[in-house]
Amino acid sequence: MHENILVCGNGPSCKEIDFTRVPQNAKVMRVTQFYFEELYYAGKHVDYYVDYANKIDESYFTARTLHSKKEYEFDLENMWYTVLREKNPHFPTVRCCTEFIQKSPLIAEFRCFYEYYYGKYLPTGMQAFALAVCLGFKNVYVTGFDFFADKDNMHAYPDGKAAVDTIVNRKRESAYDTGITSNTKDGIFEYIHKTHPTSMQIDFICLLKKLYPETKIMSVNDSGVINEHIPLAPKLMDSPWYSPEPKPTDRVTDLFPLPDEMPAKRK
């Protein structure tokens, strides 16, 4: 197993990665709709991708199309999704992130307890966080985990109408949806904090640290809310080895529409 991995959540701190603290050989894990970002904040190569299982048709098609267009380079053998209702022969390489991390009984207990009793669930990013730890990486460098603290700046990508509508539509179809009253930032912010509150995310990080004491979990942002709960990674060099690069002018800003000739659409 490779020793180092950079896990990028979609919080705004992902735009401020200190690459003097990230090993150049680190694998990169990205989550959900990270590709709406305006710049390549962590490069084009994606070693691990974790997404929300609802709307898997659209999200997988988008990731695969981005890969084909060379806007990103996905490792197609490491496409992970959260709770998969059933095995789908059309996605032979997709793996279930939730099932994998729940090989640890206390992770399964944590997730199921909050979902069953309170209708609160682990964000996809937090499950990706756990996946990196459970895969056995020695050093887990994290960024973009800001607990949705600022309703006006929740994501590293722009909160444009297309991105917001996509989030709303996916959340409305969630099995644990408690209702989104509007498509505004206030409505989404209220919903997010109701369904996966900051306190639960912090408790989950504490559980990971307790279960895997040999794993070094470190922040690669000089400041941020998560720095109150995990240490800042040491500097490995004097100058950053990577700076965010521009994306194509026609970069993706929403999920790609499914092809009209798709057999499932003809039924």
Protein backbone atom coordinates (compact mmCIF):
# COMPACT_ATOMS: atom_id res chain seq x y z
CA MET A 1 0.00 0.00 0.00
CA HIS A 2 1.17 3.49 -0.86
CA GLU A 3 2.04 5.53 2.23
CA ASN A 4 0.60 8.97 1.41
CA ILE A 5 -2.76 10.23 0.24
CA LEU A 6 -4.26 13.70 -0.14
CA VAL A 7 -8.01 13.65 0.55
CA CYS A 8 -9.79 16.70 -0.82
CA GLY A 9 -13.22 17.61 0.44
CA ASN A 10 -15.16 20.27 -1.43
CA GLY A 11 -14.97 22.98 1.22
CA PRO A 12 -13.37 26.33 0.35
CA SER A 13 -10.09 25.44 2.06
CA CYS A 14 -9.42 23.11 -0.90
CA LYS A 15 -8.49 26.28 -2.79
CA GLU A 16 -5.73 27.02 -0.28
CA ILE A 17 -3.70 23.79 -0.15
CA ASP A 18 -0.17 24.33 1.10
CA PHE A 19 1.78 22.06 -1.22
CA THR A 20 4.93 22.46 0.85
CA ARG A 21 3.17 20.11 3.30
CA VAL A 22 2.05 17.50 0.74
CA PRO A 23 4.44 14.77 -0.47
CA GLN A 24 4.90 14.87 -4.23
CA ASN A 25 4.16 11.14 -4.47
CA ALA A 26 0.84 11.36 -2.61
CA LYS A 27 -2.20 9.71 -4.15
CA VAL A 28 -5.17 12.04 -4.63
CA MET A 29 -8.77 11.37 -3.57
CA ARG A 30 -11.59 13.65 -4.76
CA VAL A 31 -15.30 13.60 -3.95
CA THR A 32 -18.70 14.29 -5.52
CA GLN A 33 -18.86 17.31 -7.82
CA PHE A 34 -15.29 18.55 -7.31
CA TYR A 35 -14.96 18.97 -11.09
CA PHE A 36 -17.05 22.15 -10.92
CA GLU A 37 -13.90 23.83 -9.56
CA GLU A 38 -12.60 26.83 -11.48
CA LEU A 39 -8.95 25.75 -11.33
CA TYR A 40 -7.17 22.43 -10.93
CA TYR A 41 -6.71 22.88 -7.20
CA ALA A 42 -5.17 19.43 -6.73
CA GLY A 43 -4.18 18.60 -10.28
CA LYS A 44 -5.89 16.66 -13.05
CA HIS A 45 -5.13 13.14 -11.86
CA VAL A 46 -7.67 11.45 -9.58
CA ASP A 47 -6.47 8.20 -8.01
CA TYR A 48 -9.65 7.66 -5.99
CA TYR A 49 -13.09 9.14 -6.61
CA VAL A 50 -15.95 8.91 -4.08
CA ASP A 51 -19.50 9.98 -4.89
CA TYR A 52 -23.04 9.82 -3.56
CA ALA A 53 -24.82 6.73 -4.91
CA ASN A 54 -28.07 8.49 -5.74
CA LYS A 55 -28.04 9.60 -9.39
CA ILE A 56 -25.17 7.22 -10.11
CA ASP A 57 -26.14 7.15 -13.80
CA GLU A 58 -25.53 10.89 -14.20
CA SER A 59 -22.48 11.20 -11.94
CA TYR A 60 -20.66 8.18 -13.37
CA PHE A 61 -21.40 9.29 -16.93
CA THR A 62 -20.04 12.75 -16.13
CA ALA A 63 -16.84 11.40 -14.56
CA ARG A 64 -16.32 8.96 -17.44
CA THR A 65 -16.93 11.70 -20.02
CA LEU A 66 -14.48 14.04 -18.28
CA HIS A 67 -11.96 11.21 -18.37
CA SER A 68 -12.55 10.66 -22.10
CA LYS A 69 -12.23 14.39 -22.80
CA LYS A 70 -9.00 14.43 -20.77
CA GLU A 71 -10.32 17.24 -18.58
CA TYR A 72 -9.44 14.90 -15.71
CA GLU A 73 -7.64 11.58 -15.47
CA PHE A 74 -9.61 9.13 -13.32
CA ASP A 75 -8.38 5.75 -12.18
CA LEU A 76 -11.43 3.86 -13.40
CA GLU A 77 -10.64 0.95 -11.08
CA ASN A 78 -11.10 3.18 -8.05
CA MET A 79 -14.57 4.64 -8.49
CA TRP A 80 -16.30 4.42 -5.12
CA TYR A 81 -19.90 5.26 -4.22
CA THR A 82 -21.82 5.39 -0.96
CA VAL A 83 -24.68 3.00 -0.16
CA LEU A 84 -25.39 0.94 -3.28
CA ARG A 85 -28.87 -0.55 -3.20
CA GLU A 86 -27.89 -3.44 -5.45
CA LYS A 87 -25.03 -4.58 -7.65
CA ASN A 88 -25.33 -3.12 -11.13
CA PRO A 89 -23.67 -4.99 -14.02
CA HIS A 90 -23.37 -1.70 -15.92
CA PHE A 91 -20.83 -0.45 -13.37
CA PRO A 92 -18.44 -3.42 -13.01
CA THR A 93 -15.58 -1.44 -11.46
CA VAL A 94 -17.66 0.63 -9.00
CA ARG A 95 -17.12 -0.27 -5.36
CA CYS A 96 -19.19 0.54 -2.29
CA CYS A 97 -17.36 2.96 0.01
CA THR A 98 -19.93 2.61 2.80
CA GLU A 99 -19.71 -1.18 2.81
CA PHE A 100 -15.91 -1.06 2.87
CA ILE A 101 -15.54 1.34 5.80
CA GLN A 102 -18.21 -0.54 7.74
CA LYS A 103 -15.93 -3.56 7.95
CA SER A 104 -14.98 -1.74 11.13
CA PRO A 105 -17.95 -2.52 13.43
CA LEU A 106 -17.73 0.77 15.34
CA ILE A 107 -17.85 2.79 12.12
CA ALA A 108 -20.96 0.85 11.12
CA GLU A 109 -22.48 1.42 14.56
CA PHE A 110 -21.75 5.17 14.41
CA ARG A 111 -23.33 5.63 11.00
CA CYS A 112 -26.38 3.46 11.65
CA PHE A 113 -27.07 4.98 15.06
CA TYR A 114 -27.27 8.53 13.74
CA GLU A 115 -29.26 7.57 10.65
CA TYR A 116 -31.80 5.39 12.48
CA TYR A 117 -32.47 7.58 15.50
CA TYR A 118 -31.89 11.09 14.18
CA GLY A 119 -32.04 10.99 10.38
CA LYS A 120 -28.51 12.38 10.25
CA TYR A 121 -25.89 10.84 8.02
CA LEU A 122 -22.23 11.03 7.18
CA PRO A 123 -21.46 13.33 4.25
CA THR A 124 -19.86 11.64 1.27
CA GLY A 125 -16.68 13.59 2.02
CA MET A 126 -16.49 12.15 5.52
CA GLN A 127 -16.94 8.66 4.13
CA ALA A 128 -14.09 9.37 1.71
CA PHE A 129 -12.02 10.56 4.68
CA ALA A 130 -12.71 7.22 6.37
CA LEU A 131 -12.00 5.27 3.19
CA ALA A 132 -8.47 6.68 2.99
CA VAL A 133 -7.86 5.65 6.59
CA CYS A 134 -9.44 2.20 6.21
CA LEU A 135 -7.46 1.50 3.02
CA GLY A 136 -4.35 1.55 5.18
CA PHE A 137 -2.56 4.71 4.12
CA LYS A 138 0.07 5.67 6.68
CA ASN A 139 -0.23 9.43 6.18
CA VAL A 140 -3.62 10.95 5.37
CA TYR A 141 -3.39 14.61 4.37
CA VAL A 142 -6.73 16.40 4.30
CA THR A 143 -8.14 19.64 2.94
CA GLY A 144 -11.58 20.99 2.08
CA PHE A 145 -13.26 19.69 5.24
CA ASP A 146 -14.75 22.90 6.60
CA PHE A 147 -18.00 21.50 8.07
CA PHE A 148 -20.08 23.81 5.81
CA ALA A 149 -19.36 26.57 8.33
CA ASP A 150 -20.00 29.53 6.00
CA LYS A 151 -23.31 29.47 4.12
CA ASP A 152 -21.98 31.99 1.59
CA ASN A 153 -18.86 29.95 0.92
CA MET A 154 -19.67 26.27 1.33
CA HIS A 155 -17.76 24.84 -1.62
CA ALA A 156 -14.47 25.20 -3.43
CA TYR A 157 -16.40 25.45 -6.68
CA PRO A 158 -18.68 28.40 -7.50
CA ASP A 159 -22.19 28.25 -6.05
CA GLY A 160 -23.70 28.95 -9.44
CA LYS A 161 -27.28 28.03 -10.20
CA ALA A 162 -26.37 24.83 -12.06
CA ALA A 163 -24.24 23.52 -9.20
CA VAL A 164 -26.78 24.49 -6.53
CA ASP A 165 -29.70 22.96 -8.43
CA THR A 166 -27.77 19.73 -8.83
CA ILE A 167 -27.11 19.56 -5.09
CA VAL A 168 -30.74 20.31 -4.26
CA ASN A 169 -32.10 17.68 -6.64
CA ARG A 170 -29.80 15.02 -5.25
CA LYS A 171 -30.64 15.85 -1.65
CA ARG A 172 -34.38 15.86 -2.34
CA GLU A 173 -34.12 12.26 -3.45
CA SER A 174 -32.21 11.15 -0.38
CA ALA A 175 -33.77 8.43 1.77
CA TYR A 176 -33.13 10.65 4.78
CA ASP A 177 -34.38 13.91 3.27
CA THR A 178 -36.11 16.07 5.86
CA GLY A 179 -37.05 18.66 3.30
CA ILE A 180 -35.45 21.56 1.48
CA THR A 181 -37.69 24.57 1.61
CA SER A 182 -35.95 26.56 -1.12
CA ASN A 183 -33.13 26.54 -3.66
CA THR A 184 -31.43 29.46 -1.93
CA LYS A 185 -28.15 29.23 -0.08
CA ASP A 186 -30.04 29.70 3.18
CA GLY A 187 -32.28 26.73 2.38
CA ILE A 188 -29.41 24.46 1.43
CA PHE A 189 -27.32 25.59 4.41
CA GLU A 190 -30.21 24.83 6.78
CA TYR A 191 -30.73 21.41 5.23
CA ILE A 192 -27.04 20.45 5.29
CA HIS A 193 -26.62 21.38 8.93
CA LYS A 194 -29.78 19.53 9.87
CA THR A 195 -28.79 16.29 8.17
CA HIS A 196 -25.04 16.16 8.85
CA PRO A 197 -24.18 18.61 11.62
CA THR A 198 -20.70 19.76 12.49
CA SER A 199 -20.69 18.02 15.87
CA MET A 200 -21.32 14.63 14.28
CA GLN A 201 -18.52 15.13 11.76
CA ILE A 202 -16.08 16.08 14.51
CA ASP A 203 -17.12 13.06 16.57
CA PHE A 204 -16.51 10.86 13.54
CA ILE A 205 -13.01 12.22 13.04
CA CYS A 206 -12.30 11.52 16.72
CA LEU A 207 -13.55 7.96 16.23
CA LEU A 208 -11.23 7.43 13.26
CA LYS A 209 -8.27 8.70 15.27
CA LYS A 210 -9.17 6.31 18.11
CA LEU A 211 -9.69 3.29 15.87
CA TYR A 212 -6.57 3.89 13.78
CA PRO A 213 -3.97 5.43 16.12
CA GLU A 214 -1.12 4.36 13.84
CA THR A 215 -2.47 6.53 11.00
CA LYS A 216 -1.29 10.12 10.85
CA ILE A 217 -4.22 12.36 9.90
CA MET A 218 -3.00 15.88 9.12
CA SER A 219 -4.28 19.17 7.72
CA VAL A 220 -2.51 20.81 4.78
CA ASN A 221 -4.13 24.21 5.30
CA ASP A 222 -2.32 26.81 7.36
CA SER A 223 -5.63 27.70 9.01
CA GLY A 224 -9.14 26.31 9.09
CA VAL A 225 -11.79 24.91 11.40
CA ILE A 226 -10.51 21.36 11.10
CA ASN A 227 -7.11 22.44 12.44
CA GLU A 228 -8.72 22.55 15.88
CA HIS A 229 -9.15 18.77 15.71
CA ILE A 230 -6.16 17.43 13.76
CA PRO A 231 -2.53 18.59 13.61
CA LEU A 232 -1.04 20.67 10.82
CA ALA A 233 1.24 18.62 8.58
CA PRO A 234 4.92 19.55 8.78
CA LYS A 235 6.58 21.44 5.95
CA LEU A 236 8.48 19.09 3.66
CA MET A 237 10.12 21.71 1.45
CA ASP A 238 10.65 25.46 1.17
CA SER A 239 8.58 26.11 -1.96
CA PRO A 240 5.31 24.47 -3.10
CA TRP A 241 5.80 21.87 -5.80
CA TYR A 242 2.38 22.58 -7.32
CA SER A 243 0.20 25.65 -7.89
CA PRO A 244 -3.43 25.53 -9.10
CA GLU A 245 -3.54 25.51 -12.90
CA PRO A 246 -6.24 26.94 -15.20
CA LYS A 247 -8.93 24.71 -16.65
CA PRO A 248 -10.30 24.74 -20.22
CA THR A 249 -12.53 27.66 -21.12
CA ASP A 250 -15.38 25.20 -21.75
CA ARG A 251 -14.87 23.46 -18.40
CA VAL A 252 -17.74 21.43 -16.97
CA THR A 253 -20.19 23.38 -14.78
CA ASP A 254 -22.93 20.78 -14.39
CA LEU A 255 -23.56 17.08 -14.87
CA PHE A 256 -23.52 15.99 -18.50
CA PRO A 257 -26.96 14.98 -19.85
CA LEU A 258 -27.34 11.27 -20.43
CA PRO A 259 -27.18 10.20 -24.08
CA ASP A 260 -30.52 9.95 -25.88
CA GLU A 261 -29.64 6.50 -27.20
CA MET A 262 -29.22 5.13 -23.68
CA PRO A 263 -31.38 1.94 -23.61
CA ALA A 264 -32.84 2.76 -20.18
CA LYS A 265 -34.18 6.06 -21.55
CA ARG A 266 -36.01 4.31 -24.38
CA LYS A 267 -38.18 2.23 -22.06
